[in-house]
PDB file of all heavy atoms in Angstrom:
ATOM      1  N   ARG A   1       0.793  -1.093   0.000  1.00  0.00           N
ATOM      2  CA  ARG A   1       0.000   0.000   0.000  1.00  0.00           C
ATOM      3  C   ARG A   1       0.886   1.221   0.000  1.00  0.00           C
ATOM      4  O   ARG A   1       1.838   1.149  -0.486  1.00  0.00           O
ATOM      5  CB  ARG A   1      -1.031  -0.052   1.017  1.00  0.00           C
ATOM      6  CG  ARG A   1      -1.142  -1.422   1.674  1.00  0.00           C
ATOM      7  CD  ARG A   1      -2.069  -1.402   2.761  1.00  0.00           C
ATOM      8  NE  ARG A   1      -1.691  -0.682   3.842  1.00  0.00           N
ATOM      9  CZ  ARG A   1      -1.818  -1.121   5.070  1.00  0.00           C
ATOM     10  NH1 ARG A   1      -2.327  -2.240   5.250  1.00  0.00           N
ATOM     11  NH2 ARG A   1      -1.489  -0.405   6.050  1.00  0.00           N
ATOM     12  N   LYS A   2       1.280   2.342   0.404  1.00  0.00           N
ATOM     13  CA  LYS A   2       2.279   3.363   0.347  1.00  0.00           C
ATOM     14  C   LYS A   2       2.674   3.693   1.771  1.00  0.00           C
ATOM     15  O   LYS A   2       1.947   3.402   2.714  1.00  0.00           O
ATOM     16  CB  LYS A   2       1.786   4.603  -0.409  1.00  0.00           C
ATOM     17  CG  LYS A   2       1.382   4.333  -1.850  1.00  0.00           C
ATOM     18  CD  LYS A   2       0.851   5.593  -2.485  1.00  0.00           C
ATOM     19  CE  LYS A   2       0.426   5.340  -3.919  1.00  0.00           C
ATOM     20  NZ  LYS A   2      -0.182   6.529  -4.542  1.00  0.00           N
ATOM     21  N   ALA A   3       3.752   4.367   1.855  1.00  0.00           N
ATOM     22  CA  ALA A   3       4.188   4.740   3.197  1.00  0.00           C
ATOM     23  C   ALA A   3       3.146   5.600   3.890  1.00  0.00           C
ATOM     24  O   ALA A   3       2.951   5.510   5.091  1.00  0.00           O
ATOM     25  CB  ALA A   3       5.525   5.465   3.140  1.00  0.00           C
ATOM     26  N   SER A   4       2.450   6.440   3.129  1.00  0.00           N
ATOM     27  CA  SER A   4       1.432   7.304   3.722  1.00  0.00           C
ATOM     28  C   SER A   4       0.211   6.517   4.166  1.00  0.00           C
ATOM     29  O   SER A   4      -0.579   6.993   4.961  1.00  0.00           O
ATOM     30  CB  SER A   4       1.022   8.384   2.724  1.00  0.00           C
ATOM     31  OG  SER A   4       0.552   7.802   1.537  1.00  0.00           O
ATOM     32  N   GLU A   5       0.035   5.282   3.633  1.00  0.00           N
ATOM     33  CA  GLU A   5      -1.102   4.464   4.015  1.00  0.00           C
ATOM     34  C   GLU A   5      -0.774   3.585   5.214  1.00  0.00           C
ATOM     35  O   GLU A   5      -1.611   3.305   6.046  1.00  0.00           O
ATOM     36  CB  GLU A   5      -1.517   3.579   2.837  1.00  0.00           C
ATOM     37  CG  GLU A   5      -2.029   4.379   1.640  1.00  0.00           C
ATOM     38  CD  GLU A   5      -2.206   3.512   0.420  1.00  0.00           C
ATOM     39  OE1 GLU A   5      -1.753   2.359   0.453  1.00  0.00           O
ATOM     40  OE2 GLU A   5      -2.802   3.994  -0.553  1.00  0.00           O
ATOM     41  N   SER A   6       0.481   3.153   5.312  1.00  0.00           N
ATOM     42  CA  SER A   6       0.880   2.309   6.431  1.00  0.00           C
ATOM     43  C   SER A   6       2.385   2.338   6.589  1.00  0.00           C
ATOM     44  O   SER A   6       3.112   2.232   5.623  1.00  0.00           O
ATOM     45  CB  SER A   6       0.423   0.862   6.182  1.00  0.00           C
ATOM     46  OG  SER A   6       0.923   0.000   7.167  1.00  0.00           O
ATOM     47  N   LEU A   7       2.836   2.468   7.825  1.00  0.00           N
ATOM     48  CA  LEU A   7       4.272   2.426   8.074  1.00  0.00           C
ATOM     49  C   LEU A   7       4.777   0.987   8.063  1.00  0.00           C
ATOM     50  O   LEU A   7       5.961   0.746   7.940  1.00  0.00           O
ATOM     51  CB  LEU A   7       4.594   3.074   9.417  1.00  0.00           C
ATOM     52  CG  LEU A   7       4.304   4.563   9.523  1.00  0.00           C
ATOM     53  CD1 LEU A   7       4.685   5.063  10.906  1.00  0.00           C
ATOM     54  CD2 LEU A   7       5.037   5.345   8.456  1.00  0.00           C
ATOM     55  N   GLU A   8       3.891   0.032   8.201  1.00  0.00           N
ATOM     56  CA  GLU A   8       4.284  -1.367   8.180  1.00  0.00           C
ATOM     57  C   GLU A   8       3.883  -1.956   6.839  1.00  0.00           C
ATOM     58  O   GLU A   8       2.719  -2.207   6.566  1.00  0.00           O
ATOM     59  CB  GLU A   8       3.625  -2.137   9.319  1.00  0.00           C
ATOM     60  CG  GLU A   8       4.061  -3.585   9.391  1.00  0.00           C
ATOM     61  CD  GLU A   8       3.540  -4.281  10.613  1.00  0.00           C
ATOM     62  OE1 GLU A   8       3.572  -3.696  11.703  1.00  0.00           O
ATOM     63  OE2 GLU A   8       3.089  -5.423  10.473  1.00  0.00           O
ATOM     64  N   LYS A   9       4.862  -2.161   5.986  1.00  0.00           N
ATOM     65  CA  LYS A   9       4.592  -2.580   4.618  1.00  0.00           C
ATOM     66  C   LYS A   9       5.387  -3.830   4.302  1.00  0.00           C
ATOM     67  O   LYS A   9       6.574  -3.901   4.615  1.00  0.00           O
ATOM     68  CB  LYS A   9       5.006  -1.466   3.659  1.00  0.00           C
ATOM     69  CG  LYS A   9       4.906  -1.837   2.189  1.00  0.00           C
ATOM     70  CD  LYS A   9       5.371  -0.690   1.338  1.00  0.00           C
ATOM     71  CE  LYS A   9       5.361  -1.086  -0.135  1.00  0.00           C
ATOM     72  NZ  LYS A   9       5.767   0.030  -0.978  1.00  0.00           N
ATOM     73  N   PRO A  10       4.760  -4.856   3.681  1.00  0.00           N
ATOM     74  CA  PRO A  10       5.528  -6.024   3.263  1.00  0.00           C
ATOM     75  C   PRO A  10       6.710  -5.592   2.410  1.00  0.00           C
ATOM     76  O   PRO A  10       6.578  -4.805   1.484  1.00  0.00           O
ATOM     77  CB  PRO A  10       4.507  -6.838   2.463  1.00  0.00           C
ATOM     78  CG  PRO A  10       3.188  -6.423   2.998  1.00  0.00           C
ATOM     79  CD  PRO A  10       3.340  -4.969   3.349  1.00  0.00           C
ATOM     80  N   SER A  11       7.892  -6.108   2.753  1.00  0.00           N
ATOM     81  CA  SER A  11       9.122  -5.607   2.137  1.00  0.00           C
ATOM     82  C   SER A  11       9.275  -6.089   0.705  1.00  0.00           C
ATOM     83  O   SER A  11       9.278  -7.273   0.420  1.00  0.00           O
ATOM     84  CB  SER A  11      10.326  -6.065   2.953  1.00  0.00           C
ATOM     85  OG  SER A  11      11.517  -5.680   2.333  1.00  0.00           O
ATOM     86  N   ASP A  12       9.368  -5.132  -0.240  1.00  0.00           N
ATOM     87  CA  ASP A  12       9.739  -5.465  -1.607  1.00  0.00           C
ATOM     88  C   ASP A  12      11.127  -4.905  -1.879  1.00  0.00           C
ATOM     89  O   ASP A  12      11.506  -4.647  -3.002  1.00  0.00           O
ATOM     90  CB  ASP A  12       8.715  -4.909  -2.613  1.00  0.00           C
ATOM     91  CG  ASP A  12       8.542  -3.401  -2.475  1.00  0.00           C
ATOM     92  OD1 ASP A  12       9.158  -2.816  -1.572  1.00  0.00           O
ATOM     93  OD2 ASP A  12       7.792  -2.828  -3.279  1.00  0.00           O
ATOM     94  N   GLY A  13      11.891  -4.703  -0.830  1.00  0.00           N
ATOM     95  CA  GLY A  13      13.216  -4.114  -0.922  1.00  0.00           C
ATOM     96  C   GLY A  13      13.304  -2.966   0.056  1.00  0.00           C
ATOM     97  O   GLY A  13      12.557  -1.986  -0.060  1.00  0.00           O
ATOM     98  N   SER A  14      14.184  -3.079   1.038  1.00  0.00           N
ATOM     99  CA  SER A  14      14.197  -2.099   2.117  1.00  0.00           C
ATOM    100  C   SER A  14      14.599  -0.710   1.640  1.00  0.00           C
ATOM    101  O   SER A  14      14.166   0.291   2.210  1.00  0.00           O
ATOM    102  CB  SER A  14      15.135  -2.563   3.235  1.00  0.00           C
ATOM    103  OG  SER A  14      16.461  -2.737   2.755  1.00  0.00           O
ATOM    104  N   ILE A  15      15.421  -0.610   0.595  1.00  0.00           N
ATOM    105  CA  ILE A  15      15.809   0.703   0.089  1.00  0.00           C
ATOM    106  C   ILE A  15      14.622   1.401  -0.550  1.00  0.00           C
ATOM    107  O   ILE A  15      14.380   2.597  -0.341  1.00  0.00           O
ATOM    108  CB  ILE A  15      16.972   0.591  -0.915  1.00  0.00           C
ATOM    109  CG1 ILE A  15      18.182  -0.062  -0.245  1.00  0.00           C
ATOM    110  CG2 ILE A  15      17.344   1.962  -1.453  1.00  0.00           C
ATOM    111  CD1 ILE A  15      18.707   0.694   0.952  1.00  0.00           C
ATOM    112  N   ASN A  16      13.843   0.661  -1.335  1.00  0.00           N
ATOM    113  CA  ASN A  16      12.648   1.249  -1.942  1.00  0.00           C
ATOM    114  C   ASN A  16      11.658   1.707  -0.873  1.00  0.00           C
ATOM    115  O   ASN A  16      11.055   2.781  -0.990  1.00  0.00           O
ATOM    116  CB  ASN A  16      11.971   0.241  -2.873  1.00  0.00           C
ATOM    117  CG  ASN A  16      12.728   0.043  -4.162  1.00  0.00           C
ATOM    118  OD1 ASN A  16      13.530   0.892  -4.564  1.00  0.00           O
ATOM    119  ND2 ASN A  16      12.521  -1.083  -4.818  1.00  0.00           N
ATOM    120  N   HIS A  17      11.498   0.895   0.142  1.00  0.00           N
ATOM    121  CA  HIS A  17      10.589   1.267   1.226  1.00  0.00           C
ATOM    122  C   HIS A  17      11.096   2.520   1.930  1.00  0.00           C
ATOM    123  O   HIS A  17      10.322   3.418   2.274  1.00  0.00           O
ATOM    124  CB  HIS A  17      10.458   0.106   2.214  1.00  0.00           C
ATOM    125  CG  HIS A  17       9.357   0.281   3.215  1.00  0.00           C
ATOM    126  ND1 HIS A  17       9.230  -0.489   4.333  1.00  0.00           N
ATOM    127  CD2 HIS A  17       8.320   1.174   3.260  1.00  0.00           C
ATOM    128  CE1 HIS A  17       8.176  -0.094   5.040  1.00  0.00           C
ATOM    129  NE2 HIS A  17       7.608   0.913   4.408  1.00  0.00           N
ATOM    130  N   ALA A  18      12.416   2.612   2.150  1.00  0.00           N
ATOM    131  CA  ALA A  18      12.996   3.791   2.792  1.00  0.00           C
ATOM    132  C   ALA A  18      12.801   5.033   1.934  1.00  0.00           C
ATOM    133  O   ALA A  18      12.509   6.119   2.454  1.00  0.00           O
ATOM    134  CB  ALA A  18      14.483   3.563   3.059  1.00  0.00           C
ATOM    135  N   LEU A  19      12.960   4.898   0.629  1.00  0.00           N
ATOM    136  CA  LEU A  19      12.739   6.031  -0.267  1.00  0.00           C
ATOM    137  C   LEU A  19      11.287   6.490  -0.214  1.00  0.00           C
ATOM    138  O   LEU A  19      11.006   7.694  -0.216  1.00  0.00           O
ATOM    139  CB  LEU A  19      13.111   5.633  -1.708  1.00  0.00           C
ATOM    140  CG  LEU A  19      14.615   5.530  -1.998  1.00  0.00           C
ATOM    141  CD1 LEU A  19      14.844   4.882  -3.361  1.00  0.00           C
ATOM    142  CD2 LEU A  19      15.271   6.908  -1.968  1.00  0.00           C
ATOM    143  N   GLU A  20      10.362   5.551  -0.156  1.00  0.00           N
ATOM    144  CA  GLU A  20       8.952   5.907  -0.045  1.00  0.00           C
ATOM    145  C   GLU A  20       8.678   6.630   1.270  1.00  0.00           C
ATOM    146  O   GLU A  20       7.907   7.602   1.306  1.00  0.00           O
ATOM    147  CB  GLU A  20       8.085   4.647  -0.145  1.00  0.00           C
ATOM    148  CG  GLU A  20       8.058   4.009  -1.533  1.00  0.00           C
ATOM    149  CD  GLU A  20       7.216   2.752  -1.562  1.00  0.00           C
ATOM    150  OE1 GLU A  20       6.625   2.413  -0.515  1.00  0.00           O
ATOM    151  OE2 GLU A  20       7.153   2.107  -2.622  1.00  0.00           O
ATOM    152  N   MET A  21       9.317   6.153   2.335  1.00  0.00           N
ATOM    153  CA  MET A  21       9.122   6.782   3.635  1.00  0.00           C
ATOM    154  C   MET A  21       9.659   8.211   3.635  1.00  0.00           C
ATOM    155  O   MET A  21       9.010   9.144   4.125  1.00  0.00           O
ATOM    156  CB  MET A  21       9.812   5.953   4.715  1.00  0.00           C
ATOM    157  CG  MET A  21       9.543   6.424   6.120  1.00  0.00           C
ATOM    158  SD  MET A  21       7.884   5.998   6.676  1.00  0.00           S
ATOM    159  CE  MET A  21       8.128   4.250   7.029  1.00  0.00           C
ATOM    160  N   LEU A  22      10.874   8.388   3.113  1.00  0.00           N
ATOM    161  CA  LEU A  22      11.459   9.723   3.064  1.00  0.00           C
ATOM    162  C   LEU A  22      10.626  10.643   2.177  1.00  0.00           C
ATOM    163  O   LEU A  22      10.420  11.819   2.509  1.00  0.00           O
ATOM    164  CB  LEU A  22      12.900   9.644   2.555  1.00  0.00           C
ATOM    165  CG  LEU A  22      13.667  10.964   2.489  1.00  0.00           C
ATOM    166  CD1 LEU A  22      13.721  11.642   3.847  1.00  0.00           C
ATOM    167  CD2 LEU A  22      15.073  10.742   1.937  1.00  0.00           C
ATOM    168  N   GLN A  23      10.133  10.114   1.067  1.00  0.00           N
ATOM    169  CA  GLN A  23       9.301  10.932   0.188  1.00  0.00           C
ATOM    170  C   GLN A  23       8.001  11.333   0.876  1.00  0.00           C
ATOM    171  O   GLN A  23       7.514  12.458   0.697  1.00  0.00           O
ATOM    172  CB  GLN A  23       9.006  10.173  -1.107  1.00  0.00           C
ATOM    173  CG  GLN A  23       8.214  10.975  -2.143  1.00  0.00           C
ATOM    174  CD  GLN A  23       8.927  12.257  -2.539  1.00  0.00           C
ATOM    175  OE1 GLN A  23       9.888  12.228  -3.288  1.00  0.00           O
ATOM    176  NE2 GLN A  23       8.453  13.396  -2.046  1.00  0.00           N
ATOM    177  N   TRP A  24       7.450  10.420   1.667  1.00  0.00           N
ATOM    178  CA  TRP A  24       6.242  10.739   2.437  1.00  0.00           C
ATOM    179  C   TRP A  24       6.505  11.886   3.405  1.00  0.00           C
ATOM    180  O   TRP A  24       5.683  12.795   3.548  1.00  0.00           O
ATOM    181  CB  TRP A  24       5.790   9.486   3.189  1.00  0.00           C
ATOM    182  CG  TRP A  24       4.649   9.711   4.143  1.00  0.00           C
ATOM    183  CD1 TRP A  24       3.376  10.083   3.834  1.00  0.00           C
ATOM    184  CD2 TRP A  24       4.691   9.554   5.565  1.00  0.00           C
ATOM    185  NE1 TRP A  24       2.610  10.172   4.983  1.00  0.00           N
ATOM    186  CE2 TRP A  24       3.390   9.857   6.053  1.00  0.00           C
ATOM    187  CE3 TRP A  24       5.682   9.185   6.468  1.00  0.00           C
ATOM    188  CZ2 TRP A  24       3.071   9.792   7.412  1.00  0.00           C
ATOM    189  CZ3 TRP A  24       5.364   9.119   7.826  1.00  0.00           C
ATOM    190  CH2 TRP A  24       4.071   9.429   8.274  1.00  0.00           C
ATOM    191  N   ILE A  25       7.662  11.884   4.053  1.00  0.00           N
ATOM    192  CA  ILE A  25       8.010  12.953   4.991  1.00  0.00           C
ATOM    193  C   ILE A  25       8.166  14.282   4.265  1.00  0.00           C
ATOM    194  O   ILE A  25       7.729  15.328   4.743  1.00  0.00           O
ATOM    195  CB  ILE A  25       9.308  12.589   5.743  1.00  0.00           C
ATOM    196  CG1 ILE A  25       9.043  11.429   6.708  1.00  0.00           C
ATOM    197  CG2 ILE A  25       9.861  13.798   6.513  1.00  0.00           C
ATOM    198  CD1 ILE A  25      10.292  10.878   7.352  1.00  0.00           C
ATOM    199  N   LEU A  26       8.796  14.272   3.070  1.00  0.00           N
ATOM    200  CA  LEU A  26       9.133  15.500   2.350  1.00  0.00           C
ATOM    201  C   LEU A  26       8.019  16.014   1.441  1.00  0.00           C
ATOM    202  O   LEU A  26       8.009  17.195   1.083  1.00  0.00           O
ATOM    203  CB  LEU A  26      10.377  15.266   1.487  1.00  0.00           C
ATOM    204  CG  LEU A  26      11.679  14.948   2.213  1.00  0.00           C
ATOM    205  CD1 LEU A  26      12.745  14.551   1.213  1.00  0.00           C
ATOM    206  CD2 LEU A  26      12.142  16.129   3.043  1.00  0.00           C
ATOM    207  N   SER A  27       7.117  15.168   1.035  1.00  0.00           N
ATOM    208  CA  SER A  27       6.124  15.504   0.008  1.00  0.00           C
ATOM    209  C   SER A  27       5.449  16.857   0.279  1.00  0.00           C
ATOM    210  O   SER A  27       5.136  17.181   1.437  1.00  0.00           O
ATOM    211  CB  SER A  27       5.057  14.406  -0.033  1.00  0.00           C
ATOM    212  OG  SER A  27       4.118  14.673  -1.042  1.00  0.00           O
ATOM    213  N   PRO A  28       5.253  17.684  -0.776  1.00  0.00           N
ATOM    214  CA  PRO A  28       5.421  17.403  -2.213  1.00  0.00           C
ATOM    215  C   PRO A  28       6.831  17.663  -2.754  1.00  0.00           C
ATOM    216  O   PRO A  28       7.064  17.507  -3.943  1.00  0.00           O
ATOM    217  CB  PRO A  28       4.426  18.364  -2.865  1.00  0.00           C
ATOM    218  CG  PRO A  28       4.469  19.561  -1.957  1.00  0.00           C
ATOM    219  CD  PRO A  28       4.611  18.998  -0.560  1.00  0.00           C
ATOM    220  N   VAL A  29       7.765  18.082  -1.906  1.00  0.00           N
ATOM    221  CA  VAL A  29       9.146  18.266  -2.358  1.00  0.00           C
ATOM    222  C   VAL A  29       9.736  16.906  -2.678  1.00  0.00           C
ATOM    223  O   VAL A  29       9.612  15.969  -1.887  1.00  0.00           O
ATOM    224  CB  VAL A  29       9.987  18.960  -1.268  1.00  0.00           C
ATOM    225  CG1 VAL A  29      11.445  19.102  -1.706  1.00  0.00           C
ATOM    226  CG2 VAL A  29       9.398  20.316  -0.918  1.00  0.00           C
ATOM    227  N   THR A  30      10.343  16.767  -3.832  1.00  0.00           N
ATOM    228  CA  THR A  30      10.927  15.483  -4.205  1.00  0.00           C
ATOM    229  C   THR A  30      12.259  15.276  -3.488  1.00  0.00           C
ATOM    230  O   THR A  30      12.920  16.236  -3.075  1.00  0.00           O
ATOM    231  CB  THR A  30      11.166  15.399  -5.720  1.00  0.00           C
ATOM    232  OG1 THR A  30      12.177  16.366  -6.090  1.00  0.00           O
ATOM    233  CG2 THR A  30       9.889  15.669  -6.502  1.00  0.00           C
ATOM    234  N   ILE A  31      12.652  14.025  -3.334  1.00  0.00           N
ATOM    235  CA  ILE A  31      13.937  13.715  -2.705  1.00  0.00           C
ATOM    236  C   ILE A  31      15.072  14.350  -3.504  1.00  0.00           C
ATOM    237  O   ILE A  31      16.018  14.905  -2.936  1.00  0.00           O
ATOM    238  CB  ILE A  31      14.127  12.194  -2.598  1.00  0.00           C
ATOM    239  CG1 ILE A  31      13.087  11.601  -1.649  1.00  0.00           C
ATOM    240  CG2 ILE A  31      15.543  11.854  -2.131  1.00  0.00           C
ATOM    241  CD1 ILE A  31      13.121  10.085  -1.552  1.00  0.00           C
ATOM    242  N   GLU A  32      14.974  14.296  -4.828  1.00  0.00           N
ATOM    243  CA  GLU A  32      16.020  14.880  -5.678  1.00  0.00           C
ATOM    244  C   GLU A  32      16.162  16.377  -5.422  1.00  0.00           C
ATOM    245  O   GLU A  32      17.283  16.892  -5.262  1.00  0.00           O
ATOM    246  CB  GLU A  32      15.699  14.628  -7.144  1.00  0.00           C
ATOM    247  CG  GLU A  32      16.758  15.163  -8.100  1.00  0.00           C
ATOM    248  CD  GLU A  32      16.416  14.898  -9.552  1.00  0.00           C
ATOM    249  OE1 GLU A  32      15.259  14.498  -9.834  1.00  0.00           O
ATOM    250  OE2 GLU A  32      17.290  15.102 -10.415  1.00  0.00           O
ATOM    251  N   ASP A  33      15.047  17.103  -5.364  1.00  0.00           N
ATOM    252  CA  ASP A  33      15.109  18.541  -5.101  1.00  0.00           C
ATOM    253  C   ASP A  33      15.602  18.823  -3.685  1.00  0.00           C
ATOM    254  O   ASP A  33      16.361  19.777  -3.449  1.00  0.00           O
ATOM    255  CB  ASP A  33      13.732  19.178  -5.301  1.00  0.00           C
ATOM    256  CG  ASP A  33      13.373  19.311  -6.778  1.00  0.00           C
ATOM    257  OD1 ASP A  33      14.271  19.171  -7.624  1.00  0.00           O
ATOM    258  OD2 ASP A  33      12.185  19.540  -7.079  1.00  0.00           O
ATOM    259  N   PHE A  34      15.178  18.002  -2.743  1.00  0.00           N
ATOM    260  CA  PHE A  34      15.614  18.183  -1.364  1.00  0.00           C
ATOM    261  C   PHE A  34      17.129  18.046  -1.248  1.00  0.00           C
ATOM    262  O   PHE A  34      17.797  18.893  -0.639  1.00  0.00           O
ATOM    263  CB  PHE A  34      14.923  17.167  -0.458  1.00  0.00           C
ATOM    264  CG  PHE A  34      15.468  17.125   0.941  1.00  0.00           C
ATOM    265  CD1 PHE A  34      15.221  18.159   1.835  1.00  0.00           C
ATOM    266  CD2 PHE A  34      16.253  16.060   1.364  1.00  0.00           C
ATOM    267  CE1 PHE A  34      15.740  18.133   3.119  1.00  0.00           C
ATOM    268  CE2 PHE A  34      16.775  16.023   2.649  1.00  0.00           C
ATOM    269  CZ  PHE A  34      16.519  17.058   3.528  1.00  0.00           C
ATOM    270  N   LEU A  35      17.682  16.995  -1.848  1.00  0.00           N
ATOM    271  CA  LEU A  35      19.123  16.779  -1.759  1.00  0.00           C
ATOM    272  C   LEU A  35      19.896  17.869  -2.487  1.00  0.00           C
ATOM    273  O   LEU A  35      20.970  18.304  -2.032  1.00  0.00           O
ATOM    274  CB  LEU A  35      19.491  15.408  -2.329  1.00  0.00           C
ATOM    275  CG  LEU A  35      18.946  14.197  -1.561  1.00  0.00           C
ATOM    276  CD1 LEU A  35      19.337  12.906  -2.268  1.00  0.00           C
ATOM    277  CD2 LEU A  35      19.452  14.187  -0.127  1.00  0.00           C
ATOM    278  N   GLY A  36      19.363  18.335  -3.607  1.00  0.00           N
ATOM    279  CA  GLY A  36      20.064  19.344  -4.395  1.00  0.00           C
ATOM    280  C   GLY A  36      19.982  20.743  -3.814  1.00  0.00           C
ATOM    281  O   GLY A  36      20.936  21.519  -3.927  1.00  0.00           O
ATOM    282  N   MET A  37      18.870  21.076  -3.151  1.00  0.00           N
ATOM    283  CA  MET A  37      18.631  22.451  -2.739  1.00  0.00           C
ATOM    284  C   MET A  37      18.741  22.688  -1.230  1.00  0.00           C
ATOM    285  O   MET A  37      19.046  23.818  -0.806  1.00  0.00           O
ATOM    286  CB  MET A  37      17.243  22.892  -3.218  1.00  0.00           C
ATOM    287  CG  MET A  37      17.064  22.859  -4.730  1.00  0.00           C
ATOM    288  SD  MET A  37      15.335  23.110  -5.244  1.00  0.00           S
ATOM    289  CE  MET A  37      15.011  24.729  -4.551  1.00  0.00           C
ATOM    290  N   TYR A  38      18.483  21.648  -0.417  1.00  0.00           N
ATOM    291  CA  TYR A  38      18.350  21.897   1.021  1.00  0.00           C
ATOM    292  C   TYR A  38      19.332  21.109   1.885  1.00  0.00           C
ATOM    293  O   TYR A  38      19.846  21.658   2.861  1.00  0.00           O
ATOM    294  CB  TYR A  38      16.918  21.566   1.472  1.00  0.00           C
ATOM    295  CG  TYR A  38      15.882  22.400   0.780  1.00  0.00           C
ATOM    296  CD1 TYR A  38      15.152  21.908  -0.312  1.00  0.00           C
ATOM    297  CD2 TYR A  38      15.613  23.706   1.207  1.00  0.00           C
ATOM    298  CE1 TYR A  38      14.201  22.687  -0.961  1.00  0.00           C
ATOM    299  CE2 TYR A  38      14.663  24.493   0.565  1.00  0.00           C
ATOM    300  CZ  TYR A  38      13.960  23.974  -0.514  1.00  0.00           C
ATOM    301  OH  TYR A  38      13.023  24.747  -1.154  1.00  0.00           O
ATOM    302  N   TRP A  39      19.580  19.863   1.567  1.00  0.00           N
ATOM    303  CA  TRP A  39      20.389  18.989   2.423  1.00  0.00           C
ATOM    304  C   TRP A  39      21.739  19.624   2.748  1.00  0.00           C
ATOM    305  O   TRP A  39      22.514  19.940   1.861  1.00  0.00           O
ATOM    306  CB  TRP A  39      20.568  17.644   1.738  1.00  0.00           C
ATOM    307  CG  TRP A  39      21.435  16.633   2.435  1.00  0.00           C
ATOM    308  CD1 TRP A  39      22.680  16.246   2.073  1.00  0.00           C
ATOM    309  CD2 TRP A  39      21.105  15.862   3.600  1.00  0.00           C
ATOM    310  NE1 TRP A  39      23.159  15.288   2.934  1.00  0.00           N
ATOM    311  CE2 TRP A  39      22.212  15.025   3.880  1.00  0.00           C
ATOM    312  CE3 TRP A  39      19.982  15.810   4.431  1.00  0.00           C
ATOM    313  CZ2 TRP A  39      22.228  14.140   4.959  1.00  0.00           C
ATOM    314  CZ3 TRP A  39      19.997  14.915   5.506  1.00  0.00           C
ATOM    315  CH2 TRP A  39      21.108  14.099   5.756  1.00  0.00           C
ATOM    316  N   GLU A  40      22.014  19.822   4.011  1.00  0.00           N
ATOM    317  CA  GLU A  40      23.242  20.443   4.521  1.00  0.00           C
ATOM    318  C   GLU A  40      23.435  21.880   4.021  1.00  0.00           C
ATOM    319  O   GLU A  40      24.510  22.453   4.188  1.00  0.00           O
ATOM    320  CB  GLU A  40      24.489  19.622   4.163  1.00  0.00           C
ATOM    321  CG  GLU A  40      24.594  18.293   4.895  1.00  0.00           C
ATOM    322  CD  GLU A  40      25.942  17.639   4.701  1.00  0.00           C
ATOM    323  OE1 GLU A  40      26.488  17.695   3.577  1.00  0.00           O
ATOM    324  OE2 GLU A  40      26.460  17.068   5.667  1.00  0.00           O
ATOM    325  N   LYS A  41      22.397  22.480   3.438  1.00  0.00           N
ATOM    326  CA  LYS A  41      22.538  23.832   2.882  1.00  0.00           C
ATOM    327  C   LYS A  41      21.626  24.837   3.575  1.00  0.00           C
ATOM    328  O   LYS A  41      22.093  25.868   4.063  1.00  0.00           O
ATOM    329  CB  LYS A  41      22.229  23.821   1.380  1.00  0.00           C
ATOM    330  CG  LYS A  41      23.157  22.959   0.541  1.00  0.00           C
ATOM    331  CD  LYS A  41      22.791  23.074  -0.930  1.00  0.00           C
ATOM    332  CE  LYS A  41      23.657  22.154  -1.802  1.00  0.00           C
ATOM    333  NZ  LYS A  41      23.296  20.736  -1.625  1.00  0.00           N
ATOM    334  N   LYS A  42      20.325  24.567   3.592  1.00  0.00           N
ATOM    335  CA  LYS A  42      19.399  25.555   4.144  1.00  0.00           C
ATOM    336  C   LYS A  42      18.125  24.887   4.634  1.00  0.00           C
ATOM    337  O   LYS A  42      17.856  23.716   4.332  1.00  0.00           O
ATOM    338  CB  LYS A  42      19.065  26.623   3.096  1.00  0.00           C
ATOM    339  CG  LYS A  42      18.355  26.097   1.860  1.00  0.00           C
ATOM    340  CD  LYS A  42      18.070  27.251   0.892  1.00  0.00           C
ATOM    341  CE  LYS A  42      17.309  26.763  -0.347  1.00  0.00           C
ATOM    342  NZ  LYS A  42      17.015  27.875  -1.268  1.00  0.00           N
ATOM    343  N   ALA A  43      17.337  25.637   5.361  1.00  0.00           N
ATOM    344  CA  ALA A  43      16.122  25.111   5.970  1.00  0.00           C
ATOM    345  C   ALA A  43      15.006  24.965   4.938  1.00  0.00           C
ATOM    346  O   ALA A  43      14.960  25.661   3.918  1.00  0.00           O
ATOM    347  CB  ALA A  43      15.664  26.022   7.105  1.00  0.00           C
ATOM    348  N   LEU A  44      14.092  24.050   5.229  1.00  0.00           N
ATOM    349  CA  LEU A  44      12.922  23.789   4.388  1.00  0.00           C
ATOM    350  C   LEU A  44      11.687  23.722   5.269  1.00  0.00           C
ATOM    351  O   LEU A  44      11.694  23.085   6.327  1.00  0.00           O
ATOM    352  CB  LEU A  44      13.096  22.459   3.644  1.00  0.00           C
ATOM    353  CG  LEU A  44      11.843  21.871   2.993  1.00  0.00           C
ATOM    354  CD1 LEU A  44      11.397  22.723   1.798  1.00  0.00           C
ATOM    355  CD2 LEU A  44      12.081  20.429   2.552  1.00  0.00           C
TER     356      LEU A  44
END
């Protein structure tokens, strides 16, 4: 189901699940934009 639907998800790969979780936290900002514009640089 998605990270926003349940934090407990049958694992189809822990990295993919982690990316979904991080995207859920950041949404609608994409992980790519977050890493390029904010990570270790400025507040969001």
